[in-house]
Amino acid sequence: MWPPENQLGIPDYALDLCRTVEARTGKPIRVTERIGAYGFDSELRVAMDRDPTHVLAYQEAYRPYRDHFLVSSCYKLLRLWDTAPEERMLPAIMGDRLPVGWHRELERGFRGSLSEEEIAGISSVLHAGVIRQVHSFPVDLRVEREIAATLPEHAGRQRAYFARQVEDLMPHFSLTAAGLAPRPVYRAVSAMNVVLGMEAAAIAGVEEPRQFRESRYRWDGEDLHRQLAEETAPGHVGDRAVTDRWALTLELRPFYLWVPWEKAVR
């Protein structure tokens, strides 16, 4: 199996999860560190038919949280395989930049300071980023709740990662950040960030900073948090349902499709 048990210092309970993933899915999970620039703190790639392993990649700067990424990834894989094969779906992003109205708002904000090509690049990054966030945050937070309820020996590592997430999101609530993105994008990102702050406090006791509590989009965040709490469907099916409810609330639902997991674009 992978990982080498005596090499990486992974705790026994996480190694047990790795073994369970391999037994349940037929493939091990491989962990790799990305050196230098990398777009995300971590990313899980589910193994397709011809792939020898599932792959968890994490950014070098987030090495202290590797074990939490591994535990979370194992839970996600097991949730997917606990679902009937025909219900195992992953999201596929539609389009390569913000919708027309949002893109024009971006153009107005940068008119005269950036070229059309540069604005188009920013539009593409914002589009992919906000859709990725609405795909990841509801699932991540539901998994965090499950980890907290079923793996008490992981509580310290979970709390440390929540504290880092809250710290990382603080700059988003600055006036500078608010002026860079079109209002619908900033609203969506702010509301989802507020939920993370609320869950960090509820699950791990991480203090919710004033910037989260006083955000102009606090009400939107509280609405998303209510939707998260009200979803009763377990596992992957419930994850998809919450994702769609959040996306509808944030006007993001037209920008992705659910596709069978084995056909998802890599």
C-alpha atoms as a PDB file:
ATOM      1  CA  MET A   1       0.000   0.000   0.000  1.00  0.00           C
ATOM      2  CA  TRP A   2       0.971   3.685  -0.007  1.00  0.00           C
ATOM      3  CA  PRO A   3       2.155   5.756   1.859  1.00  0.00           C
ATOM      4  CA  PRO A   4       5.308   4.126   3.243  1.00  0.00           C
ATOM      5  CA  GLU A   5       4.355   3.681   6.861  1.00  0.00           C
ATOM      6  CA  ASN A   6       7.748   4.496   8.363  1.00  0.00           C
ATOM      7  CA  GLN A   7       8.638   7.428   6.131  1.00  0.00           C
ATOM      8  CA  LEU A   8       6.237  10.321   6.505  1.00  0.00           C
ATOM      9  CA  GLY A   9       5.262  10.317  10.173  1.00  0.00           C
ATOM     10  CA  ILE A  10       1.567   9.969   9.354  1.00  0.00           C
ATOM     11  CA  PRO A  11      -0.490   9.106  12.479  1.00  0.00           C
ATOM     12  CA  ASP A  12      -1.801   5.566  12.800  1.00  0.00           C
ATOM     13  CA  TYR A  13      -5.452   6.563  12.514  1.00  0.00           C
ATOM     14  CA  ALA A  14      -4.746   8.299   9.177  1.00  0.00           C
ATOM     15  CA  LEU A  15      -2.867   5.244   7.915  1.00  0.00           C
ATOM     16  CA  ASP A  16      -5.893   3.135   8.879  1.00  0.00           C
ATOM     17  CA  LEU A  17      -8.042   5.446   6.749  1.00  0.00           C
ATOM     18  CA  CYS A  18      -5.597   5.032   3.843  1.00  0.00           C
ATOM     19  CA  ARG A  19      -5.938   1.253   4.121  1.00  0.00           C
ATOM     20  CA  THR A  20      -9.715   1.541   4.190  1.00  0.00           C
ATOM     21  CA  VAL A  21      -9.677   3.728   1.062  1.00  0.00           C
ATOM     22  CA  GLU A  22      -7.507   1.212  -0.771  1.00  0.00           C
ATOM     23  CA  ALA A  23      -9.717  -1.708   0.261  1.00  0.00           C
ATOM     24  CA  ARG A  24     -12.931   0.121  -0.604  1.00  0.00           C
ATOM     25  CA  THR A  25     -11.926   1.791  -3.894  1.00  0.00           C
ATOM     26  CA  GLY A  26      -9.340  -0.683  -5.142  1.00  0.00           C
ATOM     27  CA  LYS A  27      -6.638   1.977  -5.329  1.00  0.00           C
ATOM     28  CA  PRO A  28      -4.333   3.626  -2.776  1.00  0.00           C
ATOM     29  CA  ILE A  29      -4.058   7.333  -2.150  1.00  0.00           C
ATOM     30  CA  ARG A  30      -0.704   8.947  -2.944  1.00  0.00           C
ATOM     31  CA  VAL A  31       0.445  12.150  -1.257  1.00  0.00           C
ATOM     32  CA  THR A  32       2.708  14.604  -3.052  1.00  0.00           C
ATOM     33  CA  GLU A  33       4.088  18.010  -2.111  1.00  0.00           C
ATOM     34  CA  ARG A  34       4.076  20.793  -4.709  1.00  0.00           C
ATOM     35  CA  ILE A  35       7.194  22.928  -4.551  1.00  0.00           C
ATOM     36  CA  GLY A  36       6.876  26.602  -5.469  1.00  0.00           C
ATOM     37  CA  ALA A  37       3.780  28.284  -6.900  1.00  0.00           C
ATOM     38  CA  TYR A  38       0.586  26.223  -6.647  1.00  0.00           C
ATOM     39  CA  GLY A  39      -2.968  27.490  -6.927  1.00  0.00           C
ATOM     40  CA  PHE A  40      -4.531  25.737  -3.917  1.00  0.00           C
ATOM     41  CA  ASP A  41      -3.502  24.723  -0.438  1.00  0.00           C
ATOM     42  CA  SER A  42      -4.403  21.158  -1.433  1.00  0.00           C
ATOM     43  CA  GLU A  43      -6.212  19.262  -4.160  1.00  0.00           C
ATOM     44  CA  LEU A  44      -7.598  15.733  -4.351  1.00  0.00           C
ATOM     45  CA  ARG A  45      -7.717  13.955  -7.708  1.00  0.00           C
ATOM     46  CA  VAL A  46      -9.968  10.909  -7.751  1.00  0.00           C
ATOM     47  CA  ALA A  47      -8.428   8.006  -9.662  1.00  0.00           C
ATOM     48  CA  MET A  48     -10.029   7.236 -12.999  1.00  0.00           C
ATOM     49  CA  ASP A  49      -9.980   3.736 -14.502  1.00  0.00           C
ATOM     50  CA  ARG A  50      -6.424   3.895 -15.840  1.00  0.00           C
ATOM     51  CA  ASP A  51      -4.939   5.821 -12.900  1.00  0.00           C
ATOM     52  CA  PRO A  52      -2.896   3.717 -10.460  1.00  0.00           C
ATOM     53  CA  THR A  53      -3.669   5.925  -7.445  1.00  0.00           C
ATOM     54  CA  HIS A  54      -5.818   8.704  -6.094  1.00  0.00           C
ATOM     55  CA  VAL A  55      -3.582  11.746  -5.656  1.00  0.00           C
ATOM     56  CA  LEU A  56      -3.553  14.282  -2.842  1.00  0.00           C
ATOM     57  CA  ALA A  57      -1.314  17.247  -3.708  1.00  0.00           C
ATOM     58  CA  TYR A  58      -0.601  19.997  -1.212  1.00  0.00           C
ATOM     59  CA  GLN A  59       1.359  23.210  -1.341  1.00  0.00           C
ATOM     60  CA  GLU A  60       4.778  23.271   0.286  1.00  0.00           C
ATOM     61  CA  ALA A  61       3.792  26.188   2.524  1.00  0.00           C
ATOM     62  CA  TYR A  62       0.975  24.070   3.978  1.00  0.00           C
ATOM     63  CA  ARG A  63       3.143  21.108   4.977  1.00  0.00           C
ATOM     64  CA  PRO A  64       2.098  21.394   8.661  1.00  0.00           C
ATOM     65  CA  TYR A  65      -1.469  20.527   7.617  1.00  0.00           C
ATOM     66  CA  ARG A  66      -0.629  17.530   5.427  1.00  0.00           C
ATOM     67  CA  ASP A  67      -2.172  15.024   7.830  1.00  0.00           C
ATOM     68  CA  HIS A  68      -5.420  16.980   7.899  1.00  0.00           C
ATOM     69  CA  PHE A  69      -5.528  17.086   4.100  1.00  0.00           C
ATOM     70  CA  LEU A  70      -4.998  13.320   4.055  1.00  0.00           C
ATOM     71  CA  VAL A  71      -7.764  12.598   6.563  1.00  0.00           C
ATOM     72  CA  SER A  72     -10.179  14.906   4.734  1.00  0.00           C
ATOM     73  CA  SER A  73      -9.330  13.309   1.381  1.00  0.00           C
ATOM     74  CA  CYS A  74      -9.919   9.811   2.738  1.00  0.00           C
ATOM     75  CA  TYR A  75     -13.323  10.839   4.077  1.00  0.00           C
ATOM     76  CA  LYS A  76     -14.252  12.341   0.690  1.00  0.00           C
ATOM     77  CA  LEU A  77     -13.215   9.234  -1.210  1.00  0.00           C
ATOM     78  CA  LEU A  78     -15.160   6.984   1.132  1.00  0.00           C
ATOM     79  CA  ARG A  79     -18.238   9.217   0.816  1.00  0.00           C
ATOM     80  CA  LEU A  80     -18.010   8.928  -2.960  1.00  0.00           C
ATOM     81  CA  TRP A  81     -17.683   5.133  -2.889  1.00  0.00           C
ATOM     82  CA  ASP A  82     -20.471   4.780  -0.325  1.00  0.00           C
ATOM     83  CA  THR A  83     -22.780   6.261  -2.983  1.00  0.00           C
ATOM     84  CA  ALA A  84     -24.422   4.163  -5.688  1.00  0.00           C
ATOM     85  CA  PRO A  85     -22.247   4.238  -8.843  1.00  0.00           C
ATOM     86  CA  GLU A  86     -24.889   6.067 -10.864  1.00  0.00           C
ATOM     87  CA  GLU A  87     -25.002   8.809  -8.209  1.00  0.00           C
ATOM     88  CA  ARG A  88     -21.251   9.473  -8.134  1.00  0.00           C
ATOM     89  CA  MET A  89     -21.002  12.855  -9.841  1.00  0.00           C
ATOM     90  CA  LEU A  90     -18.362  15.561 -10.016  1.00  0.00           C
ATOM     91  CA  PRO A  91     -18.835  19.174 -11.200  1.00  0.00           C
ATOM     92  CA  ALA A  92     -17.635  20.419 -14.577  1.00  0.00           C
ATOM     93  CA  ILE A  93     -17.200  24.187 -14.975  1.00  0.00           C
ATOM     94  CA  MET A  94     -19.007  25.811 -17.893  1.00  0.00           C
ATOM     95  CA  GLY A  95     -17.356  28.740 -19.670  1.00  0.00           C
ATOM     96  CA  ASP A  96     -13.905  30.243 -19.331  1.00  0.00           C
ATOM     97  CA  ARG A  97     -14.652  33.706 -17.954  1.00  0.00           C
ATOM     98  CA  LEU A  98     -17.235  35.669 -15.993  1.00  0.00           C
ATOM     99  CA  PRO A  99     -20.697  36.186 -17.508  1.00  0.00           C
ATOM    100  CA  VAL A 100     -21.074  39.274 -19.678  1.00  0.00           C
ATOM    101  CA  GLY A 101     -22.515  41.645 -17.069  1.00  0.00           C
ATOM    102  CA  TRP A 102     -19.947  40.700 -14.446  1.00  0.00           C
ATOM    103  CA  HIS A 103     -17.123  40.929 -16.990  1.00  0.00           C
ATOM    104  CA  ARG A 104     -18.216  44.434 -18.001  1.00  0.00           C
ATOM    105  CA  GLU A 105     -18.185  45.491 -14.361  1.00  0.00           C
ATOM    106  CA  LEU A 106     -14.627  44.202 -14.167  1.00  0.00           C
ATOM    107  CA  GLU A 107     -13.710  46.163 -17.295  1.00  0.00           C
ATOM    108  CA  ARG A 108     -15.114  49.366 -15.806  1.00  0.00           C
ATOM    109  CA  GLY A 109     -13.066  48.886 -12.691  1.00  0.00           C
ATOM    110  CA  PHE A 110      -9.775  48.413 -14.559  1.00  0.00           C
ATOM    111  CA  ARG A 111     -10.417  50.678 -17.558  1.00  0.00           C
ATOM    112  CA  GLY A 112      -7.252  52.520 -18.530  1.00  0.00           C
ATOM    113  CA  SER A 113      -4.980  50.577 -16.196  1.00  0.00           C
ATOM    114  CA  LEU A 114      -4.978  47.127 -17.788  1.00  0.00           C
ATOM    115  CA  SER A 115      -5.145  45.785 -21.331  1.00  0.00           C
ATOM    116  CA  GLU A 116      -8.117  43.782 -22.598  1.00  0.00           C
ATOM    117  CA  GLU A 117      -5.974  40.650 -22.499  1.00  0.00           C
ATOM    118  CA  GLU A 118      -5.046  41.253 -18.871  1.00  0.00           C
ATOM    119  CA  ILE A 119      -8.668  41.876 -17.917  1.00  0.00           C
ATOM    120  CA  ALA A 120      -9.690  38.704 -19.731  1.00  0.00           C
ATOM    121  CA  GLY A 121      -7.119  36.790 -17.703  1.00  0.00           C
ATOM    122  CA  ILE A 122      -8.447  38.183 -14.438  1.00  0.00           C
ATOM    123  CA  SER A 123     -11.994  37.350 -15.535  1.00  0.00           C
ATOM    124  CA  SER A 124     -10.968  33.765 -16.193  1.00  0.00           C
ATOM    125  CA  VAL A 125      -9.264  33.427 -12.815  1.00  0.00           C
ATOM    126  CA  LEU A 126     -12.238  34.913 -10.926  1.00  0.00           C
ATOM    127  CA  HIS A 127     -14.706  32.713 -12.809  1.00  0.00           C
ATOM    128  CA  ALA A 128     -12.813  29.505 -12.080  1.00  0.00           C
ATOM    129  CA  GLY A 129     -12.085  30.562  -8.509  1.00  0.00           C
ATOM    130  CA  VAL A 130     -15.627  31.365  -7.399  1.00  0.00           C
ATOM    131  CA  ILE A 131     -17.040  28.219  -9.057  1.00  0.00           C
ATOM    132  CA  ARG A 132     -14.347  26.081  -7.473  1.00  0.00           C
ATOM    133  CA  GLN A 133     -15.161  27.624  -4.090  1.00  0.00           C
ATOM    134  CA  VAL A 134     -18.863  26.839  -4.316  1.00  0.00           C
ATOM    135  CA  HIS A 135     -17.940  23.275  -5.307  1.00  0.00           C
ATOM    136  CA  SER A 136     -15.515  22.833  -2.427  1.00  0.00           C
ATOM    137  CA  PHE A 137     -16.730  24.761   0.634  1.00  0.00           C
ATOM    138  CA  PRO A 138     -20.049  22.951   1.255  1.00  0.00           C
ATOM    139  CA  VAL A 139     -18.405  19.542   0.828  1.00  0.00           C
ATOM    140  CA  ASP A 140     -15.357  20.489   2.886  1.00  0.00           C
ATOM    141  CA  LEU A 141     -17.459  21.792   5.760  1.00  0.00           C
ATOM    142  CA  ARG A 142     -19.757  18.769   5.813  1.00  0.00           C
ATOM    143  CA  VAL A 143     -16.668  16.538   5.863  1.00  0.00           C
ATOM    144  CA  GLU A 144     -15.164  18.641   8.670  1.00  0.00           C
ATOM    145  CA  ARG A 145     -18.307  18.074  10.701  1.00  0.00           C
ATOM    146  CA  GLU A 146     -18.064  14.326  10.107  1.00  0.00           C
ATOM    147  CA  ILE A 147     -14.382  14.267  11.077  1.00  0.00           C
ATOM    148  CA  ALA A 148     -15.111  16.158  14.298  1.00  0.00           C
ATOM    149  CA  ALA A 149     -17.923  13.742  15.172  1.00  0.00           C
ATOM    150  CA  THR A 150     -16.113  10.497  14.381  1.00  0.00           C
ATOM    151  CA  LEU A 151     -12.349  11.087  14.799  1.00  0.00           C
ATOM    152  CA  PRO A 152     -11.731  12.854  18.125  1.00  0.00           C
ATOM    153  CA  GLU A 153      -8.012  12.016  18.071  1.00  0.00           C
ATOM    154  CA  HIS A 154      -7.674  14.348  15.069  1.00  0.00           C
ATOM    155  CA  ALA A 155      -9.162  17.389  16.840  1.00  0.00           C
ATOM    156  CA  GLY A 156      -5.873  19.220  17.367  1.00  0.00           C
ATOM    157  CA  ARG A 157      -4.810  18.966  13.742  1.00  0.00           C
ATOM    158  CA  GLN A 158      -8.290  19.963  12.594  1.00  0.00           C
ATOM    159  CA  ARG A 159      -8.295  23.031  14.805  1.00  0.00           C
ATOM    160  CA  ALA A 160      -4.841  24.073  13.576  1.00  0.00           C
ATOM    161  CA  TYR A 161      -5.985  23.943   9.963  1.00  0.00           C
ATOM    162  CA  PHE A 162      -9.196  25.866  10.691  1.00  0.00           C
ATOM    163  CA  ALA A 163      -7.121  28.569  12.395  1.00  0.00           C
ATOM    164  CA  ARG A 164      -4.883  28.824   9.313  1.00  0.00           C
ATOM    165  CA  GLN A 165      -7.893  29.005   6.985  1.00  0.00           C
ATOM    166  CA  VAL A 166      -9.430  31.847   8.976  1.00  0.00           C
ATOM    167  CA  GLU A 167      -6.090  33.676   8.944  1.00  0.00           C
ATOM    168  CA  ASP A 168      -5.737  33.181   5.182  1.00  0.00           C
ATOM    169  CA  LEU A 169      -9.194  34.621   4.523  1.00  0.00           C
ATOM    170  CA  MET A 170      -8.713  37.804   6.535  1.00  0.00           C
ATOM    171  CA  PRO A 171      -7.306  39.908   3.623  1.00  0.00           C
ATOM    172  CA  HIS A 172     -10.450  39.212   1.596  1.00  0.00           C
ATOM    173  CA  PHE A 173     -12.487  41.504   3.867  1.00  0.00           C
ATOM    174  CA  SER A 174     -10.291  44.564   3.213  1.00  0.00           C
ATOM    175  CA  LEU A 175     -11.558  47.556   1.250  1.00  0.00           C
ATOM    176  CA  THR A 176      -8.882  46.898  -1.363  1.00  0.00           C
ATOM    177  CA  ALA A 177     -10.159  43.394  -2.067  1.00  0.00           C
ATOM    178  CA  ALA A 178     -13.754  44.627  -2.159  1.00  0.00           C
ATOM    179  CA  GLY A 179     -12.858  47.068  -4.935  1.00  0.00           C
ATOM    180  CA  LEU A 180     -11.157  44.534  -7.202  1.00  0.00           C
ATOM    181  CA  ALA A 181     -13.923  42.039  -7.998  1.00  0.00           C
ATOM    182  CA  PRO A 182     -17.393  42.545  -9.523  1.00  0.00           C
ATOM    183  CA  ARG A 183     -20.028  42.828  -6.819  1.00  0.00           C
ATOM    184  CA  PRO A 184     -21.657  39.391  -7.469  1.00  0.00           C
ATOM    185  CA  VAL A 185     -18.280  37.672  -7.206  1.00  0.00           C
ATOM    186  CA  TYR A 186     -17.290  39.538  -4.043  1.00  0.00           C
ATOM    187  CA  ARG A 187     -20.676  38.840  -2.488  1.00  0.00           C
ATOM    188  CA  ALA A 188     -20.426  35.106  -3.230  1.00  0.00           C
ATOM    189  CA  VAL A 189     -16.880  34.764  -1.942  1.00  0.00           C
ATOM    190  CA  SER A 190     -17.616  36.867   1.148  1.00  0.00           C
ATOM    191  CA  ALA A 191     -20.714  34.866   2.055  1.00  0.00           C
ATOM    192  CA  MET A 192     -18.880  31.548   1.734  1.00  0.00           C
ATOM    193  CA  ASN A 193     -15.949  32.860   3.761  1.00  0.00           C
ATOM    194  CA  VAL A 194     -18.356  33.956   6.492  1.00  0.00           C
ATOM    195  CA  VAL A 195     -19.713  30.404   6.684  1.00  0.00           C
ATOM    196  CA  LEU A 196     -16.217  29.017   7.079  1.00  0.00           C
ATOM    197  CA  GLY A 197     -15.599  31.411   9.960  1.00  0.00           C
ATOM    198  CA  MET A 198     -18.836  30.343  11.616  1.00  0.00           C
ATOM    199  CA  GLU A 199     -18.005  26.653  11.218  1.00  0.00           C
ATOM    200  CA  ALA A 200     -14.427  27.104  12.451  1.00  0.00           C
ATOM    201  CA  ALA A 201     -15.865  28.554  15.633  1.00  0.00           C
ATOM    202  CA  ALA A 202     -18.586  25.916  16.000  1.00  0.00           C
ATOM    203  CA  ILE A 203     -16.474  22.859  15.172  1.00  0.00           C
ATOM    204  CA  ALA A 204     -13.033  23.759  16.474  1.00  0.00           C
ATOM    205  CA  GLY A 205     -13.473  26.744  18.782  1.00  0.00           C
ATOM    206  CA  VAL A 206     -11.491  29.089  16.543  1.00  0.00           C
ATOM    207  CA  GLU A 207     -12.532  32.653  17.333  1.00  0.00           C
ATOM    208  CA  GLU A 208     -14.470  34.302  14.521  1.00  0.00           C
ATOM    209  CA  PRO A 209     -12.743  37.612  13.715  1.00  0.00           C
ATOM    210  CA  ARG A 210     -14.588  40.911  13.685  1.00  0.00           C
ATOM    211  CA  GLN A 211     -14.139  41.212   9.898  1.00  0.00           C
ATOM    212  CA  PHE A 212     -16.210  38.064   9.401  1.00  0.00           C
ATOM    213  CA  ARG A 213     -18.915  39.178  11.833  1.00  0.00           C
ATOM    214  CA  GLU A 214     -19.191  42.692  10.379  1.00  0.00           C
ATOM    215  CA  SER A 215     -19.037  41.828   6.678  1.00  0.00           C
ATOM    216  CA  ARG A 216     -21.658  43.569   4.561  1.00  0.00           C
ATOM    217  CA  TYR A 217     -22.547  40.071   3.316  1.00  0.00           C
ATOM    218  CA  ARG A 218     -22.976  38.582   6.773  1.00  0.00           C
ATOM    219  CA  TRP A 219     -26.672  37.960   6.179  1.00  0.00           C
ATOM    220  CA  ASP A 220     -25.894  36.039   2.985  1.00  0.00           C
ATOM    221  CA  GLY A 221     -23.377  33.947   4.906  1.00  0.00           C
ATOM    222  CA  GLU A 222     -25.915  33.212   7.629  1.00  0.00           C
ATOM    223  CA  ASP A 223     -28.386  32.128   4.938  1.00  0.00           C
ATOM    224  CA  LEU A 224     -25.830  29.701   3.476  1.00  0.00           C
ATOM    225  CA  HIS A 225     -25.011  28.459   6.970  1.00  0.00           C
ATOM    226  CA  ARG A 226     -28.688  27.726   7.584  1.00  0.00           C
ATOM    227  CA  GLN A 227     -28.865  25.791   4.308  1.00  0.00           C
ATOM    228  CA  LEU A 228     -25.815  23.782   5.347  1.00  0.00           C
ATOM    229  CA  ALA A 229     -27.392  22.878   8.674  1.00  0.00           C
ATOM    230  CA  GLU A 230     -30.781  21.995   7.180  1.00  0.00           C
ATOM    231  CA  GLU A 231     -29.509  19.436   4.655  1.00  0.00           C
ATOM    232  CA  THR A 232     -30.345  15.970   6.000  1.00  0.00           C
ATOM    233  CA  ALA A 233     -29.232  13.763   3.110  1.00  0.00           C
ATOM    234  CA  PRO A 234     -26.019  12.021   4.119  1.00  0.00           C
ATOM    235  CA  GLY A 235     -22.723  11.794   2.294  1.00  0.00           C
ATOM    236  CA  HIS A 236     -22.122  12.618  -1.338  1.00  0.00           C
ATOM    237  CA  VAL A 237     -25.805  13.008  -2.229  1.00  0.00           C
ATOM    238  CA  GLY A 238     -26.253  15.642   0.464  1.00  0.00           C
ATOM    239  CA  ASP A 239     -23.004  17.317  -0.579  1.00  0.00           C
ATOM    240  CA  ARG A 240     -24.360  17.801  -4.091  1.00  0.00           C
ATOM    241  CA  ALA A 241     -27.696  19.086  -2.797  1.00  0.00           C
ATOM    242  CA  VAL A 242     -26.071  21.739  -0.578  1.00  0.00           C
ATOM    243  CA  THR A 243     -23.715  22.757  -3.381  1.00  0.00           C
ATOM    244  CA  ASP A 244     -26.657  23.358  -5.714  1.00  0.00           C
ATOM    245  CA  ARG A 245     -28.607  25.317  -3.081  1.00  0.00           C
ATOM    246  CA  TRP A 246     -25.610  27.549  -2.401  1.00  0.00           C
ATOM    247  CA  ALA A 247     -25.010  28.035  -6.112  1.00  0.00           C
ATOM    248  CA  LEU A 248     -28.628  29.056  -6.688  1.00  0.00           C
ATOM    249  CA  THR A 249     -28.478  31.522  -3.801  1.00  0.00           C
ATOM    250  CA  LEU A 250     -25.229  33.028  -5.111  1.00  0.00           C
ATOM    251  CA  GLU A 251     -26.329  33.131  -8.779  1.00  0.00           C
ATOM    252  CA  LEU A 252     -23.665  30.591  -9.765  1.00  0.00           C
ATOM    253  CA  ARG A 253     -25.796  27.590 -10.738  1.00  0.00           C
ATOM    254  CA  PRO A 254     -25.698  28.191 -14.537  1.00  0.00           C
ATOM    255  CA  PHE A 255     -21.923  27.862 -14.611  1.00  0.00           C
ATOM    256  CA  TYR A 256     -21.399  24.143 -13.956  1.00  0.00           C
ATOM    257  CA  LEU A 257     -22.825  20.713 -14.687  1.00  0.00           C
ATOM    258  CA  TRP A 258     -22.714  17.463 -12.750  1.00  0.00           C
ATOM    259  CA  VAL A 259     -21.076  14.683 -14.752  1.00  0.00           C
ATOM    260  CA  PRO A 260     -20.324  11.033 -13.923  1.00  0.00           C
ATOM    261  CA  TRP A 261     -17.128  10.988 -11.877  1.00  0.00           C
ATOM    262  CA  GLU A 262     -15.250   8.740 -14.301  1.00  0.00           C
ATOM    263  CA  LYS A 263     -15.923  11.241 -17.126  1.00  0.00           C
ATOM    264  CA  ALA A 264     -14.885  14.353 -15.225  1.00  0.00           C
ATOM    265  CA  VAL A 265     -12.348  16.537 -17.027  1.00  0.00           C
ATOM    266  CA  ARG A 266      -8.902  16.428 -15.359  1.00  0.00           C
END
